[in-house]
N, C-alpha and C. Protein backbone atom coordinates (compact mmCIF):
# COMPACT_ATOMS: atom_id res chain seq x y z
N MET A 1 -4.86 48.65 2.19
CA MET A 1 -4.56 48.15 0.89
C MET A 1 -4.02 46.76 1.35
N PRO A 2 -3.97 45.84 0.31
CA PRO A 2 -3.64 44.62 0.34
C PRO A 2 -2.01 44.62 0.20
N GLU A 3 -1.16 43.56 1.15
CA GLU A 3 0.24 43.38 0.85
C GLU A 3 0.41 42.62 -0.24
N LEU A 4 1.58 43.14 -0.71
CA LEU A 4 2.27 42.04 -1.93
C LEU A 4 3.06 41.14 -1.47
N ARG A 5 2.82 39.84 -1.81
CA ARG A 5 3.80 38.79 -1.26
C ARG A 5 3.93 38.10 -2.74
N TRP A 6 5.50 37.54 -2.58
CA TRP A 6 5.60 36.27 -3.77
C TRP A 6 5.92 35.12 -3.28
N ARG A 7 5.33 34.19 -3.97
CA ARG A 7 5.85 32.68 -3.39
C ARG A 7 7.13 32.44 -4.30
N GLN A 8 8.01 31.41 -3.41
CA GLN A 8 9.37 31.36 -4.12
C GLN A 8 9.48 30.89 -5.64
N THR A 9 8.36 30.14 -6.00
CA THR A 9 8.34 29.63 -7.34
C THR A 9 8.18 30.76 -8.09
N ALA A 10 7.70 31.71 -7.74
CA ALA A 10 7.47 32.85 -8.81
C ALA A 10 8.49 33.58 -8.82
N ARG A 11 9.35 33.92 -7.86
CA ARG A 11 10.75 34.53 -7.95
C ARG A 11 11.61 33.62 -8.42
N ASP A 12 11.47 32.37 -8.51
CA ASP A 12 12.20 31.54 -9.21
C ASP A 12 12.06 31.65 -10.63
N ASP A 13 10.76 31.63 -11.07
CA ASP A 13 10.26 31.71 -12.39
C ASP A 13 10.89 33.08 -13.11
N LEU A 14 10.75 34.10 -12.19
CA LEU A 14 11.14 35.62 -12.75
C LEU A 14 12.86 35.64 -12.90
N ARG A 15 13.47 34.76 -11.89
CA ARG A 15 15.02 34.90 -12.11
C ARG A 15 15.39 34.08 -13.34
N SER A 16 14.89 32.91 -13.61
CA SER A 16 15.18 32.05 -14.61
C SER A 16 14.98 32.84 -15.96
N ILE A 17 13.78 33.61 -16.04
CA ILE A 17 13.29 34.36 -17.21
C ILE A 17 14.52 35.37 -17.55
N ILE A 18 14.75 36.14 -16.23
CA ILE A 18 15.67 37.18 -16.66
C ILE A 18 17.22 36.56 -17.07
N GLU A 19 17.60 35.69 -16.24
CA GLU A 19 18.75 35.13 -16.55
C GLU A 19 19.06 34.54 -17.84
N TYR A 20 17.91 34.15 -18.43
CA TYR A 20 17.98 33.56 -19.80
C TYR A 20 18.32 34.55 -20.96
N ILE A 21 17.39 35.76 -20.68
CA ILE A 21 17.61 36.64 -21.79
C ILE A 21 18.71 37.46 -21.62
N ALA A 22 19.26 37.48 -20.24
CA ALA A 22 20.47 38.33 -19.73
C ALA A 22 21.74 37.87 -20.75
N ALA A 23 21.61 36.41 -20.86
CA ALA A 23 22.79 35.79 -21.41
C ALA A 23 23.09 36.35 -22.78
N ASP A 24 21.90 36.87 -23.48
CA ASP A 24 22.14 37.44 -24.80
C ASP A 24 22.15 38.57 -24.74
N ASN A 25 21.08 39.55 -23.94
CA ASN A 25 20.82 40.72 -24.09
C ASN A 25 20.56 41.49 -22.82
N PRO A 26 21.65 41.94 -21.79
CA PRO A 26 21.53 42.20 -20.55
C PRO A 26 20.54 43.58 -20.45
N ALA A 27 20.64 44.35 -21.40
CA ALA A 27 19.84 45.63 -21.52
C ALA A 27 18.18 45.07 -21.61
N ALA A 28 17.91 44.14 -22.31
CA ALA A 28 16.61 43.73 -22.55
C ALA A 28 16.20 43.15 -21.29
N ALA A 29 16.78 42.33 -20.86
CA ALA A 29 16.71 41.59 -19.54
C ALA A 29 16.39 42.65 -18.30
N LEU A 30 17.22 43.60 -18.21
CA LEU A 30 16.90 44.59 -17.35
C LEU A 30 15.54 45.38 -17.44
N ALA A 31 15.36 45.68 -18.89
CA ALA A 31 13.85 46.41 -19.29
C ALA A 31 12.89 45.56 -18.90
N LEU A 32 12.95 44.11 -19.08
CA LEU A 32 11.74 43.30 -18.74
C LEU A 32 11.52 43.35 -17.47
N TRP A 33 12.80 43.11 -16.76
CA TRP A 33 12.55 43.08 -15.26
C TRP A 33 11.88 44.11 -14.72
N GLU A 34 12.09 45.45 -15.01
CA GLU A 34 11.64 46.51 -14.80
C GLU A 34 10.29 46.79 -15.12
N THR A 35 9.82 46.51 -16.15
CA THR A 35 8.60 46.36 -16.86
C THR A 35 7.50 45.45 -15.96
N ILE A 36 7.89 44.38 -15.59
CA ILE A 36 7.25 43.29 -14.87
C ILE A 36 7.08 43.93 -13.35
N GLU A 37 8.12 44.11 -12.63
CA GLU A 37 8.28 44.65 -11.33
C GLU A 37 7.12 45.87 -11.24
N ALA A 38 7.13 46.79 -12.41
CA ALA A 38 6.12 48.01 -12.43
C ALA A 38 4.78 47.53 -12.59
N ARG A 39 4.47 46.57 -13.66
CA ARG A 39 2.97 46.14 -13.43
C ARG A 39 2.62 45.44 -12.14
N ILE A 40 3.40 44.56 -11.92
CA ILE A 40 3.04 44.07 -10.39
C ILE A 40 2.92 45.08 -9.31
N GLY A 41 3.44 46.06 -9.46
CA GLY A 41 3.39 47.21 -8.29
C GLY A 41 2.10 47.58 -8.23
N HIS A 42 1.37 47.72 -9.28
CA HIS A 42 -0.09 48.45 -9.01
C HIS A 42 -0.94 47.20 -8.73
N LEU A 43 -0.86 46.09 -8.40
CA LEU A 43 -1.97 45.18 -8.11
C LEU A 43 -2.39 45.30 -6.77
N PRO A 44 -1.75 45.74 -5.77
CA PRO A 44 -2.47 46.31 -4.43
C PRO A 44 -3.58 47.33 -4.78
N GLU A 45 -3.58 48.22 -5.62
CA GLU A 45 -4.28 48.96 -6.00
C GLU A 45 -5.60 48.71 -6.60
N PHE A 46 -4.95 47.91 -7.57
CA PHE A 46 -6.24 47.27 -8.65
C PHE A 46 -6.24 45.83 -8.94
N PRO A 47 -6.48 45.05 -7.96
CA PRO A 47 -6.47 43.85 -8.02
C PRO A 47 -7.32 42.99 -8.89
N LYS A 48 -8.23 43.72 -9.33
CA LYS A 48 -9.29 42.97 -10.04
C LYS A 48 -9.36 43.40 -11.49
N ALA A 49 -8.41 44.20 -11.80
CA ALA A 49 -8.15 44.75 -13.36
C ALA A 49 -7.81 43.84 -14.16
N HIS A 50 -7.44 42.62 -13.94
CA HIS A 50 -6.97 41.74 -14.90
C HIS A 50 -7.75 40.28 -14.98
N ARG A 51 -7.62 39.76 -16.11
CA ARG A 51 -8.47 38.54 -16.51
C ARG A 51 -8.52 37.52 -15.24
N PRO A 52 -9.62 36.95 -15.24
CA PRO A 52 -9.77 35.74 -14.53
C PRO A 52 -8.60 34.80 -14.82
N GLY A 53 -8.13 33.89 -13.99
CA GLY A 53 -7.27 32.97 -14.29
C GLY A 53 -7.80 31.57 -14.82
N ARG A 54 -6.53 30.95 -15.26
CA ARG A 54 -7.45 29.47 -16.06
C ARG A 54 -7.56 28.36 -14.64
N LEU A 55 -6.80 28.88 -13.36
CA LEU A 55 -7.39 28.06 -12.21
C LEU A 55 -7.91 28.89 -11.37
N PRO A 56 -9.04 28.14 -10.74
CA PRO A 56 -10.10 28.87 -9.85
C PRO A 56 -9.28 29.53 -8.69
N GLY A 57 -9.68 30.83 -8.44
CA GLY A 57 -9.31 31.45 -7.35
C GLY A 57 -7.94 32.35 -7.79
N THR A 58 -7.51 32.43 -9.23
CA THR A 58 -6.37 33.04 -9.66
C THR A 58 -7.00 34.04 -10.61
N ARG A 59 -5.90 35.18 -10.78
CA ARG A 59 -6.05 36.09 -12.05
C ARG A 59 -4.61 36.09 -12.90
N GLU A 60 -4.80 36.69 -13.92
CA GLU A 60 -3.71 36.82 -14.74
C GLU A 60 -3.43 38.19 -15.25
N LEU A 61 -2.39 38.55 -15.00
CA LEU A 61 -1.71 39.73 -15.31
C LEU A 61 -0.73 39.72 -16.65
N ILE A 62 -1.24 40.13 -17.69
CA ILE A 62 -0.22 40.31 -18.92
C ILE A 62 0.83 41.43 -18.56
N ALA A 63 2.02 40.83 -18.19
CA ALA A 63 2.90 41.84 -17.73
C ALA A 63 3.66 42.47 -19.00
N HIS A 64 3.83 41.35 -19.88
CA HIS A 64 4.62 41.94 -20.87
C HIS A 64 3.87 40.91 -22.08
N GLN A 65 4.21 41.19 -23.66
CA GLN A 65 3.30 40.60 -24.63
C GLN A 65 3.76 38.95 -24.48
N ASN A 66 4.80 38.68 -23.96
CA ASN A 66 4.86 37.15 -23.70
C ASN A 66 4.94 36.56 -22.45
N TYR A 67 4.86 37.37 -21.44
CA TYR A 67 4.86 37.02 -20.22
C TYR A 67 3.56 37.22 -19.16
N ILE A 68 3.23 36.27 -18.38
CA ILE A 68 1.80 36.27 -17.70
C ILE A 68 2.42 36.03 -16.23
N VAL A 69 1.71 36.87 -15.19
CA VAL A 69 2.08 37.03 -13.86
C VAL A 69 0.66 36.16 -13.24
N VAL A 70 0.65 35.15 -12.89
CA VAL A 70 -0.42 34.46 -12.14
C VAL A 70 -0.72 34.86 -10.64
N TYR A 71 -1.64 35.25 -10.09
CA TYR A 71 -1.54 35.83 -8.90
C TYR A 71 -3.02 35.34 -8.24
N SER A 72 -2.95 35.55 -6.84
CA SER A 72 -4.32 35.22 -6.19
C SER A 72 -4.49 36.49 -5.30
N GLU A 73 -5.86 36.80 -4.85
CA GLU A 73 -5.91 37.87 -3.83
C GLU A 73 -6.90 37.56 -2.68
N SER A 74 -6.64 38.11 -1.95
CA SER A 74 -7.59 38.12 -0.63
C SER A 74 -7.55 39.49 0.02
N PRO A 75 -8.63 39.92 0.75
CA PRO A 75 -8.64 41.26 1.42
C PRO A 75 -7.40 41.69 2.11
N ASP A 76 -6.52 40.64 2.51
CA ASP A 76 -5.11 41.44 2.91
C ASP A 76 -4.05 41.26 2.32
N SER A 77 -3.89 40.33 1.37
CA SER A 77 -2.78 40.16 0.61
C SER A 77 -3.18 39.70 -0.87
N ILE A 78 -2.10 40.12 -2.00
CA ILE A 78 -2.07 39.80 -3.25
C ILE A 78 -0.72 38.81 -3.23
N GLU A 79 -0.95 37.50 -3.55
CA GLU A 79 0.21 36.75 -3.76
C GLU A 79 0.46 36.23 -5.34
N ILE A 80 1.63 36.69 -5.57
CA ILE A 80 2.43 36.18 -6.84
C ILE A 80 2.51 34.81 -6.73
N LEU A 81 2.11 34.02 -7.75
CA LEU A 81 2.10 32.50 -7.71
C LEU A 81 3.00 32.25 -8.55
N ARG A 82 2.92 32.69 -9.88
CA ARG A 82 4.14 32.29 -10.89
C ARG A 82 4.19 33.39 -11.77
N VAL A 83 5.30 33.34 -12.50
CA VAL A 83 5.70 34.22 -13.78
C VAL A 83 5.98 33.27 -14.85
N LEU A 84 5.06 33.22 -15.94
CA LEU A 84 5.26 32.34 -17.16
C LEU A 84 5.38 32.96 -18.35
N HIS A 85 6.11 32.24 -19.37
CA HIS A 85 6.05 32.68 -20.66
C HIS A 85 4.61 32.49 -21.21
N GLY A 86 4.14 33.15 -21.90
CA GLY A 86 3.03 32.81 -22.74
C GLY A 86 2.89 31.52 -23.38
N ALA A 87 3.85 30.98 -23.97
CA ALA A 87 3.69 29.64 -24.49
C ALA A 87 3.86 28.55 -23.76
N GLN A 88 4.20 28.70 -22.30
CA GLN A 88 4.14 27.77 -21.34
C GLN A 88 2.78 26.86 -21.18
N MET A 89 2.95 25.65 -21.09
CA MET A 89 1.62 25.18 -20.58
C MET A 89 1.12 25.54 -19.19
N TRP A 90 -0.17 26.02 -19.22
CA TRP A 90 -0.51 26.45 -17.69
C TRP A 90 -2.12 26.11 -17.88
N PRO A 91 -2.60 25.64 -16.79
CA PRO A 91 -1.89 24.73 -15.71
C PRO A 91 -1.37 23.34 -16.19
């Protein structure tokens, strides 16, 4: 099974999202974080279950109605590249 890896930019994305939401609603921020982590946790088992990404060599997981996890896959690893709000310009 491939190893799950995070790029620092993806960790920073998620941290910023959670901090922004937590400023107004800590419970919602925690629930979102848990939802995203749970969805990402299934990627090593089912890496091709999500749509092809807008950039070549990537895939996109809709982790929540407003948030997209961009990742790449190889036989050895799944690399989380970004965690983005759906309204963000990407790429």
